Amino acid sequence: MESNRQRKVAQIIQEDFAELFRKQAAESKQSILVTVSDVKVTADLGIAKIYLSIFPQEFRAAVMKEIEENKTQYRNFIGQKMAKQVRVIPNLNFYLDTSLDDVEKIEKELRGEGDNPIL
């Protein structure tokens, strides 16, 4: 069960990264949308798991690679934002959130538009 502190830190991280990715998208020449779908923080506030949705799908691998390469800069960014709120800045782990793809696939199957392996 998450504590209030974990939820607060996760919310701060989610809002700050959402703003950062929005600014990067505005500055970029490509139309890539990166959204922070969820953030989970461990009980000791040492690790933050950040789940990202990236659209269009063909850019997912490249964007995730770039994010992983810039992980140190992102940690410094969040450290500046949270310096007065936490003693230790959490390590950041980024994950691709494919839950929207799964929902779309299920909806397609329910409408009968998907591949039916039984028939």
PDB file of N, CA and C in Angstrom:
ATOM      1  N   MET A   1       0.836  -1.182   0.000  1.00  0.00           N
ATOM      2  CA  MET A   1       0.000   0.000   0.000  1.00  0.00           C
ATOM      3  C   MET A   1       0.879   1.243   0.000  1.00  0.00           C
ATOM      4  N   GLU A   2       0.556   2.162  -0.866  1.00  0.00           N
ATOM      5  CA  GLU A   2       1.349   3.377  -0.990  1.00  0.00           C
ATOM      6  C   GLU A   2       1.046   4.354   0.144  1.00  0.00           C
ATOM      7  N   SER A   3       2.103   4.983   0.631  1.00  0.00           N
ATOM      8  CA  SER A   3       1.925   6.017   1.645  1.00  0.00           C
ATOM      9  C   SER A   3       1.582   7.339   0.962  1.00  0.00           C
ATOM     10  N   ASN A   4       1.138   8.294   1.759  1.00  0.00           N
ATOM     11  CA  ASN A   4       0.849   9.625   1.213  1.00  0.00           C
ATOM     12  C   ASN A   4       2.101  10.239   0.610  1.00  0.00           C
ATOM     13  N   ARG A   5       3.234  10.012   1.251  1.00  0.00           N
ATOM     14  CA  ARG A   5       4.508  10.563   0.768  1.00  0.00           C
ATOM     15  C   ARG A   5       4.850   9.988  -0.614  1.00  0.00           C
ATOM     16  N   GLN A   6       4.682   8.681  -0.779  1.00  0.00           N
ATOM     17  CA  GLN A   6       4.949   8.047  -2.073  1.00  0.00           C
ATOM     18  C   GLN A   6       4.052   8.635  -3.159  1.00  0.00           C
ATOM     19  N   ARG A   7       2.770   8.785  -2.844  1.00  0.00           N
ATOM     20  CA  ARG A   7       1.829   9.339  -3.820  1.00  0.00           C
ATOM     21  C   ARG A   7       2.192  10.776  -4.183  1.00  0.00           C
ATOM     22  N   LYS A   8       2.592  11.551  -3.194  1.00  0.00           N
ATOM     23  CA  LYS A   8       2.947  12.949  -3.444  1.00  0.00           C
ATOM     24  C   LYS A   8       4.187  13.050  -4.332  1.00  0.00           C
ATOM     25  N   VAL A   9       5.214  12.264  -4.019  1.00  0.00           N
ATOM     26  CA  VAL A   9       6.440  12.274  -4.821  1.00  0.00           C
ATOM     27  C   VAL A   9       6.140  11.790  -6.237  1.00  0.00           C
ATOM     28  N   ALA A  10       5.336  10.740  -6.365  1.00  0.00           N
ATOM     29  CA  ALA A  10       4.970  10.224  -7.689  1.00  0.00           C
ATOM     30  C   ALA A  10       4.210  11.272  -8.493  1.00  0.00           C
ATOM     31  N   GLN A  11       3.317  11.987  -7.846  1.00  0.00           N
ATOM     32  CA  GLN A  11       2.547  13.022  -8.538  1.00  0.00           C
ATOM     33  C   GLN A  11       3.450  14.158  -9.016  1.00  0.00           C
ATOM     34  N   ILE A  12       4.396  14.566  -8.180  1.00  0.00           N
ATOM     35  CA  ILE A  12       5.333  15.627  -8.568  1.00  0.00           C
ATOM     36  C   ILE A  12       6.151  15.185  -9.777  1.00  0.00           C
ATOM     37  N   ILE A  13       6.664  13.957  -9.730  1.00  0.00           N
ATOM     38  CA  ILE A  13       7.463  13.431 -10.846  1.00  0.00           C
ATOM     39  C   ILE A  13       6.619  13.375 -12.115  1.00  0.00           C
ATOM     40  N   GLN A  14       5.391  12.879 -11.998  1.00  0.00           N
ATOM     41  CA  GLN A  14       4.522  12.759 -13.169  1.00  0.00           C
ATOM     42  C   GLN A  14       4.240  14.129 -13.784  1.00  0.00           C
ATOM     43  N   GLU A  15       3.911  15.106 -12.971  1.00  0.00           N
ATOM     44  CA  GLU A  15       3.606  16.445 -13.488  1.00  0.00           C
ATOM     45  C   GLU A  15       4.831  17.096 -14.125  1.00  0.00           C
ATOM     46  N   ASP A  16       5.988  16.974 -13.475  1.00  0.00           N
ATOM     47  CA  ASP A  16       7.202  17.599 -14.006  1.00  0.00           C
ATOM     48  C   ASP A  16       7.638  16.968 -15.323  1.00  0.00           C
ATOM     49  N   PHE A  17       7.573  15.640 -15.405  1.00  0.00           N
ATOM     50  CA  PHE A  17       7.955  14.983 -16.655  1.00  0.00           C
ATOM     51  C   PHE A  17       6.928  15.232 -17.758  1.00  0.00           C
ATOM     52  N   ALA A  18       5.656  15.313 -17.407  1.00  0.00           N
ATOM     53  CA  ALA A  18       4.641  15.629 -18.415  1.00  0.00           C
ATOM     54  C   ALA A  18       4.926  16.998 -19.025  1.00  0.00           C
ATOM     55  N   GLU A  19       5.260  17.957 -18.190  1.00  0.00           N
ATOM     56  CA  GLU A  19       5.590  19.302 -18.680  1.00  0.00           C
ATOM     57  C   GLU A  19       6.865  19.280 -19.526  1.00  0.00           C
ATOM     58  N   LEU A  20       7.877  18.555 -19.070  1.00  0.00           N
ATOM     59  CA  LEU A  20       9.134  18.464 -19.818  1.00  0.00           C
ATOM     60  C   LEU A  20       8.916  17.851 -21.201  1.00  0.00           C
ATOM     61  N   PHE A  21       8.203  16.724 -21.261  1.00  0.00           N
ATOM     62  CA  PHE A  21       7.968  16.064 -22.542  1.00  0.00           C
ATOM     63  C   PHE A  21       7.083  16.916 -23.454  1.00  0.00           C
ATOM     64  N   ARG A  22       6.154  17.676 -22.872  1.00  0.00           N
ATOM     65  CA  ARG A  22       5.320  18.573 -23.672  1.00  0.00           C
ATOM     66  C   ARG A  22       6.179  19.658 -24.321  1.00  0.00           C
ATOM     67  N   LYS A  23       7.097  20.225 -23.549  1.00  0.00           N
ATOM     68  CA  LYS A  23       7.993  21.256 -24.088  1.00  0.00           C
ATOM     69  C   LYS A  23       8.904  20.678 -25.171  1.00  0.00           C
ATOM     70  N   GLN A  24       9.434  19.482 -24.930  1.00  0.00           N
ATOM     71  CA  GLN A  24      10.298  18.853 -25.926  1.00  0.00           C
ATOM     72  C   GLN A  24       9.535  18.572 -27.215  1.00  0.00           C
ATOM     73  N   ALA A  25       8.281  18.166 -27.105  1.00  0.00           N
ATOM     74  CA  ALA A  25       7.469  17.896 -28.293  1.00  0.00           C
ATOM     75  C   ALA A  25       7.207  19.184 -29.066  1.00  0.00           C
ATOM     76  N   ALA A  26       6.997  20.280 -28.348  1.00  0.00           N
ATOM     77  CA  ALA A  26       6.747  21.563 -29.011  1.00  0.00           C
ATOM     78  C   ALA A  26       7.988  22.049 -29.755  1.00  0.00           C
ATOM     79  N   GLU A  27       9.175  21.784 -29.199  1.00  0.00           N
ATOM     80  CA  GLU A  27      10.428  22.219 -29.816  1.00  0.00           C
ATOM     81  C   GLU A  27      10.864  21.298 -30.954  1.00  0.00           C
ATOM     82  N   SER A  28      10.401  20.070 -30.930  1.00  0.00           N
ATOM     83  CA  SER A  28      10.805  19.069 -31.915  1.00  0.00           C
ATOM     84  C   SER A  28      10.141  19.326 -33.264  1.00  0.00           C
ATOM     85  N   LYS A  29      10.825  18.937 -34.306  1.00  0.00           N
ATOM     86  CA  LYS A  29      10.278  19.064 -35.659  1.00  0.00           C
ATOM     87  C   LYS A  29       9.294  17.921 -35.960  1.00  0.00           C
ATOM     88  N   GLN A  30       9.442  16.808 -35.239  1.00  0.00           N
ATOM     89  CA  GLN A  30       8.570  15.658 -35.447  1.00  0.00           C
ATOM     90  C   GLN A  30       7.347  15.784 -34.544  1.00  0.00           C
ATOM     91  N   SER A  31       6.259  15.198 -34.964  1.00  0.00           N
ATOM     92  CA  SER A  31       5.051  15.222 -34.137  1.00  0.00           C
ATOM     93  C   SER A  31       4.958  13.910 -33.365  1.00  0.00           C
ATOM     94  N   ILE A  32       5.668  13.870 -32.242  1.00  0.00           N
ATOM     95  CA  ILE A  32       5.679  12.698 -31.370  1.00  0.00           C
ATOM     96  C   ILE A  32       5.066  13.106 -30.040  1.00  0.00           C
ATOM     97  N   LEU A  33       4.145  12.297 -29.561  1.00  0.00           N
ATOM     98  CA  LEU A  33       3.478  12.568 -28.301  1.00  0.00           C
ATOM     99  C   LEU A  33       3.974  11.571 -27.258  1.00  0.00           C
ATOM    100  N   VAL A  34       4.556  12.091 -26.178  1.00  0.00           N
ATOM    101  CA  VAL A  34       5.005  11.258 -25.065  1.00  0.00           C
ATOM    102  C   VAL A  34       4.191  11.665 -23.847  1.00  0.00           C
ATOM    103  N   THR A  35       3.444  10.722 -23.296  1.00  0.00           N
ATOM    104  CA  THR A  35       2.655  11.010 -22.105  1.00  0.00           C
ATOM    105  C   THR A  35       3.123  10.123 -20.965  1.00  0.00           C
ATOM    106  N   VAL A  36       3.077  10.671 -19.766  1.00  0.00           N
ATOM    107  CA  VAL A  36       3.440   9.926 -18.567  1.00  0.00           C
ATOM    108  C   VAL A  36       2.144   9.334 -18.029  1.00  0.00           C
ATOM    109  N   SER A  37       1.956   8.037 -18.236  1.00  0.00           N
ATOM    110  CA  SER A  37       0.695   7.414 -17.857  1.00  0.00           C
ATOM    111  C   SER A  37       0.635   7.040 -16.381  1.00  0.00           C
ATOM    112  N   ASP A  38       1.786   6.763 -15.779  1.00  0.00           N
ATOM    113  CA  ASP A  38       1.788   6.387 -14.362  1.00  0.00           C
ATOM    114  C   ASP A  38       3.198   6.503 -13.804  1.00  0.00           C
ATOM    115  N   VAL A  39       3.285   6.747 -12.503  1.00  0.00           N
ATOM    116  CA  VAL A  39       4.570   6.759 -11.797  1.00  0.00           C
ATOM    117  C   VAL A  39       4.376   6.000 -10.494  1.00  0.00           C
ATOM    118  N   LYS A  40       5.248   5.065 -10.232  1.00  0.00           N
ATOM    119  CA  LYS A  40       5.252   4.313  -8.977  1.00  0.00           C
ATOM    120  C   LYS A  40       6.584   4.560  -8.284  1.00  0.00           C
ATOM    121  N   VAL A  41       6.536   4.848  -6.988  1.00  0.00           N
ATOM    122  CA  VAL A  41       7.740   5.122  -6.214  1.00  0.00           C
ATOM    123  C   VAL A  41       7.844   4.075  -5.113  1.00  0.00           C
ATOM    124  N   THR A  42       9.047   3.538  -4.907  1.00  0.00           N
ATOM    125  CA  THR A  42       9.247   2.538  -3.861  1.00  0.00           C
ATOM    126  C   THR A  42       9.069   3.173  -2.484  1.00  0.00           C
ATOM    127  N   ALA A  43       8.878   2.341  -1.472  1.00  0.00           N
ATOM    128  CA  ALA A  43       8.613   2.824  -0.115  1.00  0.00           C
ATOM    129  C   ALA A  43       9.735   3.696   0.435  1.00  0.00           C
ATOM    130  N   ASP A  44      10.981   3.396   0.060  1.00  0.00           N
ATOM    131  CA  ASP A  44      12.106   4.202   0.548  1.00  0.00           C
ATOM    132  C   ASP A  44      12.373   5.421  -0.333  1.00  0.00           C
ATOM    133  N   LEU A  45      11.520   5.641  -1.333  1.00  0.00           N
ATOM    134  CA  LEU A  45      11.627   6.760  -2.281  1.00  0.00           C
ATOM    135  C   LEU A  45      12.928   6.718  -3.075  1.00  0.00           C
ATOM    136  N   GLY A  46      13.536   5.542  -3.178  1.00  0.00           N
ATOM    137  CA  GLY A  46      14.814   5.409  -3.868  1.00  0.00           C
ATOM    138  C   GLY A  46      14.698   5.147  -5.359  1.00  0.00           C
ATOM    139  N   ILE A  47      13.565   4.603  -5.787  1.00  0.00           N
ATOM    140  CA  ILE A  47      13.380   4.269  -7.204  1.00  0.00           C
ATOM    141  C   ILE A  47      12.005   4.754  -7.655  1.00  0.00           C
ATOM    142  N   ALA A  48      11.977   5.402  -8.804  1.00  0.00           N
ATOM    143  CA  ALA A  48      10.717   5.819  -9.422  1.00  0.00           C
ATOM    144  C   ALA A  48      10.572   5.080 -10.744  1.00  0.00           C
ATOM    145  N   LYS A  49       9.475   4.354 -10.888  1.00  0.00           N
ATOM    146  CA  LYS A  49       9.166   3.661 -12.139  1.00  0.00           C
ATOM    147  C   LYS A  49       8.200   4.542 -12.915  1.00  0.00           C
ATOM    148  N   ILE A  50       8.645   4.996 -14.080  1.00  0.00           N
ATOM    149  CA  ILE A  50       7.874   5.942 -14.875  1.00  0.00           C
ATOM    150  C   ILE A  50       7.386   5.231 -16.134  1.00  0.00           C
ATOM    151  N   TYR A  51       6.064   5.174 -16.298  1.00  0.00           N
ATOM    152  CA  TYR A  51       5.451   4.485 -17.430  1.00  0.00           C
ATOM    153  C   TYR A  51       5.049   5.514 -18.481  1.00  0.00           C
ATOM    154  N   LEU A  52       5.526   5.304 -19.709  1.00  0.00           N
ATOM    155  CA  LEU A  52       5.316   6.258 -20.794  1.00  0.00           C
ATOM    156  C   LEU A  52       4.508   5.645 -21.930  1.00  0.00           C
ATOM    157  N   SER A  53       3.600   6.435 -22.477  1.00  0.00           N
ATOM    158  CA  SER A  53       2.894   6.075 -23.705  1.00  0.00           C
ATOM    159  C   SER A  53       3.457   6.958 -24.808  1.00  0.00           C
ATOM    160  N   ILE A  54       3.823   6.351 -25.926  1.00  0.00           N
ATOM    161  CA  ILE A  54       4.456   7.086 -27.019  1.00  0.00           C
ATOM    162  C   ILE A  54       3.660   6.850 -28.298  1.00  0.00           C
ATOM    163  N   PHE A  55       3.271   7.958 -28.940  1.00  0.00           N
ATOM    164  CA  PHE A  55       2.533   7.893 -30.197  1.00  0.00           C
ATOM    165  C   PHE A  55       3.190   8.818 -31.197  1.00  0.00           C
ATOM    166  N   PRO A  56       3.294   8.466 -32.442  1.00  0.00           N
ATOM    167  CA  PRO A  56       2.899   7.223 -33.092  1.00  0.00           C
ATOM    168  C   PRO A  56       3.827   6.063 -32.714  1.00  0.00           C
ATOM    169  N   GLN A  57       3.319   4.872 -32.899  1.00  0.00           N
ATOM    170  CA  GLN A  57       4.010   3.669 -32.445  1.00  0.00           C
ATOM    171  C   GLN A  57       5.363   3.449 -33.089  1.00  0.00           C
ATOM    172  N   GLU A  58       5.548   3.873 -34.319  1.00  0.00           N
ATOM    173  CA  GLU A  58       6.817   3.595 -35.004  1.00  0.00           C
ATOM    174  C   GLU A  58       8.006   4.325 -34.382  1.00  0.00           C
ATOM    175  N   PHE A  59       7.757   5.308 -33.533  1.00  0.00           N
ATOM    176  CA  PHE A  59       8.851   6.047 -32.897  1.00  0.00           C
ATOM    177  C   PHE A  59       9.177   5.538 -31.489  1.00  0.00           C
ATOM    178  N   ARG A  60       8.464   4.538 -31.024  1.00  0.00           N
ATOM    179  CA  ARG A  60       8.630   4.084 -29.640  1.00  0.00           C
ATOM    180  C   ARG A  60      10.063   3.674 -29.308  1.00  0.00           C
ATOM    181  N   ALA A  61      10.647   2.838 -30.127  1.00  0.00           N
ATOM    182  CA  ALA A  61      11.996   2.338 -29.833  1.00  0.00           C
ATOM    183  C   ALA A  61      13.005   3.475 -29.809  1.00  0.00           C
ATOM    184  N   ALA A  62      12.933   4.360 -30.774  1.00  0.00           N
ATOM    185  CA  ALA A  62      13.887   5.472 -30.849  1.00  0.00           C
ATOM    186  C   ALA A  62      13.726   6.422 -29.667  1.00  0.00           C
ATOM    187  N   VAL A  63      12.487   6.712 -29.297  1.00  0.00           N
ATOM    188  CA  VAL A  63      12.242   7.624 -28.174  1.00  0.00           C
ATOM    189  C   VAL A  63      12.696   6.991 -26.865  1.00  0.00           C
ATOM    190  N   MET A  64      12.385   5.719 -26.660  1.00  0.00           N
ATOM    191  CA  MET A  64      12.814   5.045 -25.427  1.00  0.00           C
ATOM    192  C   MET A  64      14.336   4.990 -25.344  1.00  0.00           C
ATOM    193  N   LYS A  65      14.998   4.763 -26.469  1.00  0.00           N
ATOM    194  CA  LYS A  65      16.461   4.734 -26.490  1.00  0.00           C
ATOM    195  C   LYS A  65      17.019   6.104 -26.103  1.00  0.00           C
ATOM    196  N   GLU A  66      16.447   7.150 -26.655  1.00  0.00           N
ATOM    197  CA  GLU A  66      16.899   8.509 -26.339  1.00  0.00           C
ATOM    198  C   GLU A  66      16.664   8.841 -24.866  1.00  0.00           C
ATOM    199  N   ILE A  67      15.533   8.430 -24.338  1.00  0.00           N
ATOM    200  CA  ILE A  67      15.234   8.680 -22.924  1.00  0.00           C
ATOM    201  C   ILE A  67      16.230   7.942 -22.039  1.00  0.00           C
ATOM    202  N   GLU A  68      16.524   6.689 -22.363  1.00  0.00           N
ATOM    203  CA  GLU A  68      17.502   5.923 -21.578  1.00  0.00           C
ATOM    204  C   GLU A  68      18.883   6.565 -21.637  1.00  0.00           C
ATOM    205  N   GLU A  69      19.264   7.082 -22.803  1.00  0.00           N
ATOM    206  CA  GLU A  69      20.567   7.726 -22.946  1.00  0.00           C
ATOM    207  C   GLU A  69      20.651   9.020 -22.139  1.00  0.00           C
ATOM    208  N   ASN A  70      19.528   9.690 -21.941  1.00  0.00           N
ATOM    209  CA  ASN A  70      19.499  10.965 -21.221  1.00  0.00           C
ATOM    210  C   ASN A  70      18.994  10.825 -19.791  1.00  0.00           C
ATOM    211  N   LYS A  71      19.026   9.616 -19.265  1.00  0.00           N
ATOM    212  CA  LYS A  71      18.495   9.356 -17.930  1.00  0.00           C
ATOM    213  C   LYS A  71      19.167  10.222 -16.860  1.00  0.00           C
ATOM    214  N   THR A  72      20.472  10.428 -16.978  1.00  0.00           N
ATOM    215  CA  THR A  72      21.204  11.237 -15.998  1.00  0.00           C
ATOM    216  C   THR A  72      20.724  12.683 -16.020  1.00  0.00           C
ATOM    217  N   GLN A  73      20.533  13.238 -17.212  1.00  0.00           N
ATOM    218  CA  GLN A  73      20.038  14.611 -17.317  1.00  0.00           C
ATOM    219  C   GLN A  73      18.623  14.725 -16.749  1.00  0.00           C
ATOM    220  N   TYR A  74      17.793  13.709 -16.981  1.00  0.00           N
ATOM    221  CA  TYR A  74      16.436  13.725 -16.443  1.00  0.00           C
ATOM    222  C   TYR A  74      16.455  13.653 -14.914  1.00  0.00           C
ATOM    223  N   ARG A  75      17.371  12.876 -14.364  1.00  0.00           N
ATOM    224  CA  ARG A  75      17.475  12.798 -12.903  1.00  0.00           C
ATOM    225  C   ARG A  75      17.931  14.140 -12.337  1.00  0.00           C
ATOM    226  N   ASN A  76      18.871  14.799 -13.010  1.00  0.00           N
ATOM    227  CA  ASN A  76      19.300  16.130 -12.579  1.00  0.00           C
ATOM    228  C   ASN A  76      18.137  17.122 -12.653  1.00  0.00           C
ATOM    229  N   PHE A  77      17.349  17.032 -13.718  1.00  0.00           N
ATOM    230  CA  PHE A  77      16.185  17.903 -13.888  1.00  0.00           C
ATOM    231  C   PHE A  77      15.214  17.726 -12.732  1.00  0.00           C
ATOM    232  N   ILE A  78      14.889  16.478 -12.425  1.00  0.00           N
ATOM    233  CA  ILE A  78      13.921  16.225 -11.357  1.00  0.00           C
ATOM    234  C   ILE A  78      14.526  16.578  -9.999  1.00  0.00           C
ATOM    235  N   GLY A  79      15.846  16.429  -9.876  1.00  0.00           N
ATOM    236  CA  GLY A  79      16.525  16.810  -8.640  1.00  0.00           C
ATOM    237  C   GLY A  79      16.405  18.293  -8.356  1.00  0.00           C
ATOM    238  N   GLN A  80      16.510  19.107  -9.379  1.00  0.00           N
ATOM    239  CA  GLN A  80      16.351  20.551  -9.205  1.00  0.00           C
ATOM    240  C   GLN A  80      14.923  20.901  -8.807  1.00  0.00           C
ATOM    241  N   LYS A  81      13.965  20.180  -9.342  1.00  0.00           N
ATOM    242  CA  LYS A  81      12.558  20.449  -9.030  1.00  0.00           C
ATOM    243  C   LYS A  81      12.177  19.996  -7.615  1.00  0.00           C
ATOM    244  N   MET A  82      12.812  18.905  -7.150  1.00  0.00           N
ATOM    245  CA  MET A  82      12.409  18.301  -5.879  1.00  0.00           C
ATOM    246  C   MET A  82      13.415  18.516  -4.753  1.00  0.00           C
ATOM    247  N   ALA A  83      14.419  19.328  -4.968  1.00  0.00           N
ATOM    248  CA  ALA A  83      15.526  19.454  -4.014  1.00  0.00           C
ATOM    249  C   ALA A  83      15.067  19.781  -2.598  1.00  0.00           C
ATOM    250  N   LYS A  84      14.054  20.583  -2.444  1.00  0.00           N
ATOM    251  CA  LYS A  84      13.610  20.990  -1.105  1.00  0.00           C
ATOM    252  C   LYS A  84      12.549  20.067  -0.524  1.00  0.00           C
ATOM    253  N   GLN A  85      12.140  19.065  -1.282  1.00  0.00           N
ATOM    254  CA  GLN A  85      11.059  18.200  -0.831  1.00  0.00           C
ATOM    255  C   GLN A  85      11.519  16.813  -0.397  1.00  0.00           C
ATOM    256  N   VAL A  86      12.645  16.356  -0.932  1.00  0.00           N
ATOM    257  CA  VAL A  86      13.158  15.034  -0.560  1.00  0.00           C
ATOM    258  C   VAL A  86      14.656  15.109  -0.319  1.00  0.00           C
ATOM    259  N   ARG A  87      15.139  14.219   0.526  1.00  0.00           N
ATOM    260  CA  ARG A  87      16.578  14.172   0.795  1.00  0.00           C
ATOM    261  C   ARG A  87      17.342  13.500  -0.328  1.00  0.00           C
ATOM    262  N   VAL A  88      16.789  12.402  -0.811  1.00  0.00           N
ATOM    263  CA  VAL A  88      17.447  11.621  -1.859  1.00  0.00           C
ATOM    264  C   VAL A  88      16.575  11.668  -3.111  1.00  0.00           C
ATOM    265  N   ILE A  89      17.198  11.977  -4.226  1.00  0.00           N
ATOM    266  CA  ILE A  89      16.475  11.992  -5.500  1.00  0.00           C
ATOM    267  C   ILE A  89      16.385  10.551  -5.997  1.00  0.00           C
ATOM    268  N   PRO A  90      15.185  10.080  -6.324  1.00  0.00           N
ATOM    269  CA  PRO A  90      15.050   8.681  -6.740  1.00  0.00           C
ATOM    270  C   PRO A  90      15.741   8.386  -8.070  1.00  0.00           C
ATOM    271  N   ASN A  91      16.214   7.150  -8.193  1.00  0.00           N
ATOM    272  CA  ASN A  91      16.708   6.677  -9.488  1.00  0.00           C
ATOM    273  C   ASN A  91      15.493   6.492 -10.387  1.00  0.00           C
ATOM    274  N   LEU A  92      15.657   6.825 -11.650  1.00  0.00           N
ATOM    275  CA  LEU A  92      14.536   6.787 -12.579  1.00  0.00           C
ATOM    276  C   LEU A  92      14.631   5.571 -13.493  1.00  0.00           C
ATOM    277  N   ASN A  93      13.550   4.811 -13.557  1.00  0.00           N
ATOM    278  CA  ASN A  93      13.438   3.694 -14.488  1.00  0.00           C
ATOM    279  C   ASN A  93      12.242   3.969 -15.387  1.00  0.00           C
ATOM    280  N   PHE A  94      12.483   3.973 -16.694  1.00  0.00           N
ATOM    281  CA  PHE A  94      11.433   4.272 -17.657  1.00  0.00           C
ATOM    282  C   PHE A  94      10.946   2.983 -18.303  1.00  0.00           C
ATOM    283  N   TYR A  95       9.617   2.860 -18.419  1.00  0.00           N
ATOM    284  CA  TYR A  95       8.996   1.682 -19.015  1.00  0.00           C
ATOM    285  C   TYR A  95       7.982   2.132 -20.060  1.00  0.00           C
ATOM    286  N   LEU A  96       7.854   1.348 -21.103  1.00  0.00           N
ATOM    287  CA  LEU A  96       6.866   1.622 -22.139  1.00  0.00           C
ATOM    288  C   LEU A  96       5.522   1.066 -21.689  1.00  0.00           C
ATOM    289  N   ASP A  97       4.515   1.906 -21.654  1.00  0.00           N
ATOM    290  CA  ASP A  97       3.173   1.499 -21.249  1.00  0.00           C
ATOM    291  C   ASP A  97       2.373   1.144 -22.500  1.00  0.00           C
ATOM    292  N   THR A  98       2.054  -0.109 -22.646  1.00  0.00           N
ATOM    293  CA  THR A  98       1.307  -0.568 -23.826  1.00  0.00           C
ATOM    294  C   THR A  98      -0.144  -0.897 -23.487  1.00  0.00           C
ATOM    295  N   SER A  99      -0.628  -0.442 -22.344  1.00  0.00           N
ATOM    296  CA  SER A  99      -1.982  -0.793 -21.922  1.00  0.00           C
ATOM    297  C   SER A  99      -3.041  -0.264 -22.891  1.00  0.00           C
ATOM    298  N   LEU A 100      -2.812   0.908 -23.479  1.00  0.00           N
ATOM    299  CA  LEU A 100      -3.787   1.432 -24.446  1.00  0.00           C
ATOM    300  C   LEU A 100      -3.850   0.566 -25.696  1.00  0.00           C
ATOM    301  N   ASP A 101      -2.709   0.018 -26.095  1.00  0.00           N
ATOM    302  CA  ASP A 101      -2.691  -0.903 -27.239  1.00  0.00           C
ATOM    303  C   ASP A 101      -3.479  -2.166 -26.916  1.00  0.00           C
ATOM    304  N   ASP A 102      -3.321  -2.656 -25.683  1.00  0.00           N
ATOM    305  CA  ASP A 102      -4.038  -3.854 -25.260  1.00  0.00           C
ATOM    306  C   ASP A 102      -5.546  -3.615 -25.247  1.00  0.00           C
ATOM    307  N   VAL A 103      -5.956  -2.444 -24.749  1.00  0.00           N
ATOM    308  CA  VAL A 103      -7.379  -2.102 -24.720  1.00  0.00           C
ATOM    309  C   VAL A 103      -7.938  -2.045 -26.140  1.00  0.00           C
ATOM    310  N   GLU A 104      -7.189  -1.422 -27.037  1.00  0.00           N
ATOM    311  CA  GLU A 104      -7.627  -1.314 -28.431  1.00  0.00           C
ATOM    312  C   GLU A 104      -7.765  -2.700 -29.069  1.00  0.00           C
ATOM    313  N   LYS A 105      -6.809  -3.577 -28.775  1.00  0.00           N
ATOM    314  CA  LYS A 105      -6.842  -4.931 -29.331  1.00  0.00           C
ATOM    315  C   LYS A 105      -8.058  -5.700 -28.811  1.00  0.00           C
ATOM    316  N   ILE A 106      -8.344  -5.569 -27.524  1.00  0.00           N
ATOM    317  CA  ILE A 106      -9.492  -6.260 -26.931  1.00  0.00           C
ATOM    318  C   ILE A 106     -10.794  -5.733 -27.524  1.00  0.00           C
ATOM    319  N   GLU A 107     -10.890  -4.411 -27.656  1.00  0.00           N
ATOM    320  CA  GLU A 107     -12.098  -3.828 -28.242  1.00  0.00           C
ATOM    321  C   GLU A 107     -12.308  -4.307 -29.676  1.00  0.00           C
ATOM    322  N   LYS A 108     -11.219  -4.425 -30.417  1.00  0.00           N
ATOM    323  CA  LYS A 108     -11.295  -4.913 -31.796  1.00  0.00           C
ATOM    324  C   LYS A 108     -11.820  -6.350 -31.814  1.00  0.00           C
ATOM    325  N   GLU A 109     -11.305  -7.167 -30.908  1.00  0.00           N
ATOM    326  CA  GLU A 109     -11.748  -8.564 -30.821  1.00  0.00           C
ATOM    327  C   GLU A 109     -13.232  -8.638 -30.471  1.00  0.00           C
ATOM    328  N   LEU A 110     -13.659  -7.791 -29.537  1.00  0.00           N
ATOM    329  CA  LEU A 110     -15.060  -7.813 -29.126  1.00  0.00           C
ATOM    330  C   LEU A 110     -15.997  -7.369 -30.249  1.00  0.00           C
ATOM    331  N   ARG A 111     -15.529  -6.499 -31.114  1.00  0.00           N
ATOM    332  CA  ARG A 111     -16.328  -6.061 -32.258  1.00  0.00           C
ATOM    333  C   ARG A 111     -16.284  -7.082 -33.387  1.00  0.00           C
ATOM    334  N   GLY A 112     -15.457  -8.097 -33.264  1.00  0.00           N
ATOM    335  CA  GLY A 112     -15.354  -9.127 -34.288  1.00  0.00           C
ATOM    336  C   GLY A 112     -14.429  -8.768 -35.430  1.00  0.00           C
ATOM    337  N   GLU A 113     -13.583  -7.770 -35.236  1.00  0.00           N
ATOM    338  CA  GLU A 113     -12.679  -7.325 -36.293  1.00  0.00           C
ATOM    339  C   GLU A 113     -11.310  -7.986 -36.221  1.00  0.00           C
ATOM    340  N   GLY A 114     -11.040  -8.681 -35.148  1.00  0.00           N
ATOM    341  CA  GLY A 114      -9.724  -9.288 -34.980  1.00  0.00           C
ATOM    342  C   GLY A 114      -9.642 -10.666 -35.609  1.00  0.00           C
ATOM    343  N   ASP A 115      -8.474 -11.282 -35.488  1.00  0.00           N
ATOM    344  CA  ASP A 115      -8.274 -12.638 -35.991  1.00  0.00           C
ATOM    345  C   ASP A 115      -8.816 -13.625 -34.967  1.00  0.00           C
ATOM    346  N   ASN A 116      -9.709 -14.477 -35.397  1.00  0.00           N
ATOM    347  CA  ASN A 116     -10.276 -15.478 -34.516  1.00  0.00           C
ATOM    348  C   ASN A 116      -9.556 -16.800 -34.769  1.00  0.00           C
ATOM    349  N   PRO A 117      -8.748 -17.265 -33.815  1.00  0.00           N
ATOM    350  CA  PRO A 117      -7.987 -18.503 -34.029  1.00  0.00           C
ATOM    351  C   PRO A 117      -8.854 -19.757 -34.022  1.00  0.00           C
ATOM    352  N   ILE A 118     -10.085 -19.659 -33.549  1.00  0.00           N
ATOM    353  CA  ILE A 118     -10.957 -20.826 -33.452  1.00  0.00           C
ATOM    354  C   ILE A 118     -11.573 -21.164 -34.808  1.00  0.00           C
ATOM    355  N   LEU A 119     -11.889 -20.160 -35.590  1.00  0.00           N
ATOM    356  CA  LEU A 119     -12.563 -20.402 -36.877  1.00  0.00           C
ATOM    357  C   LEU A 119     -11.641 -20.904 -37.932  1.00  0.00           C
TER     358      LEU A 119
END
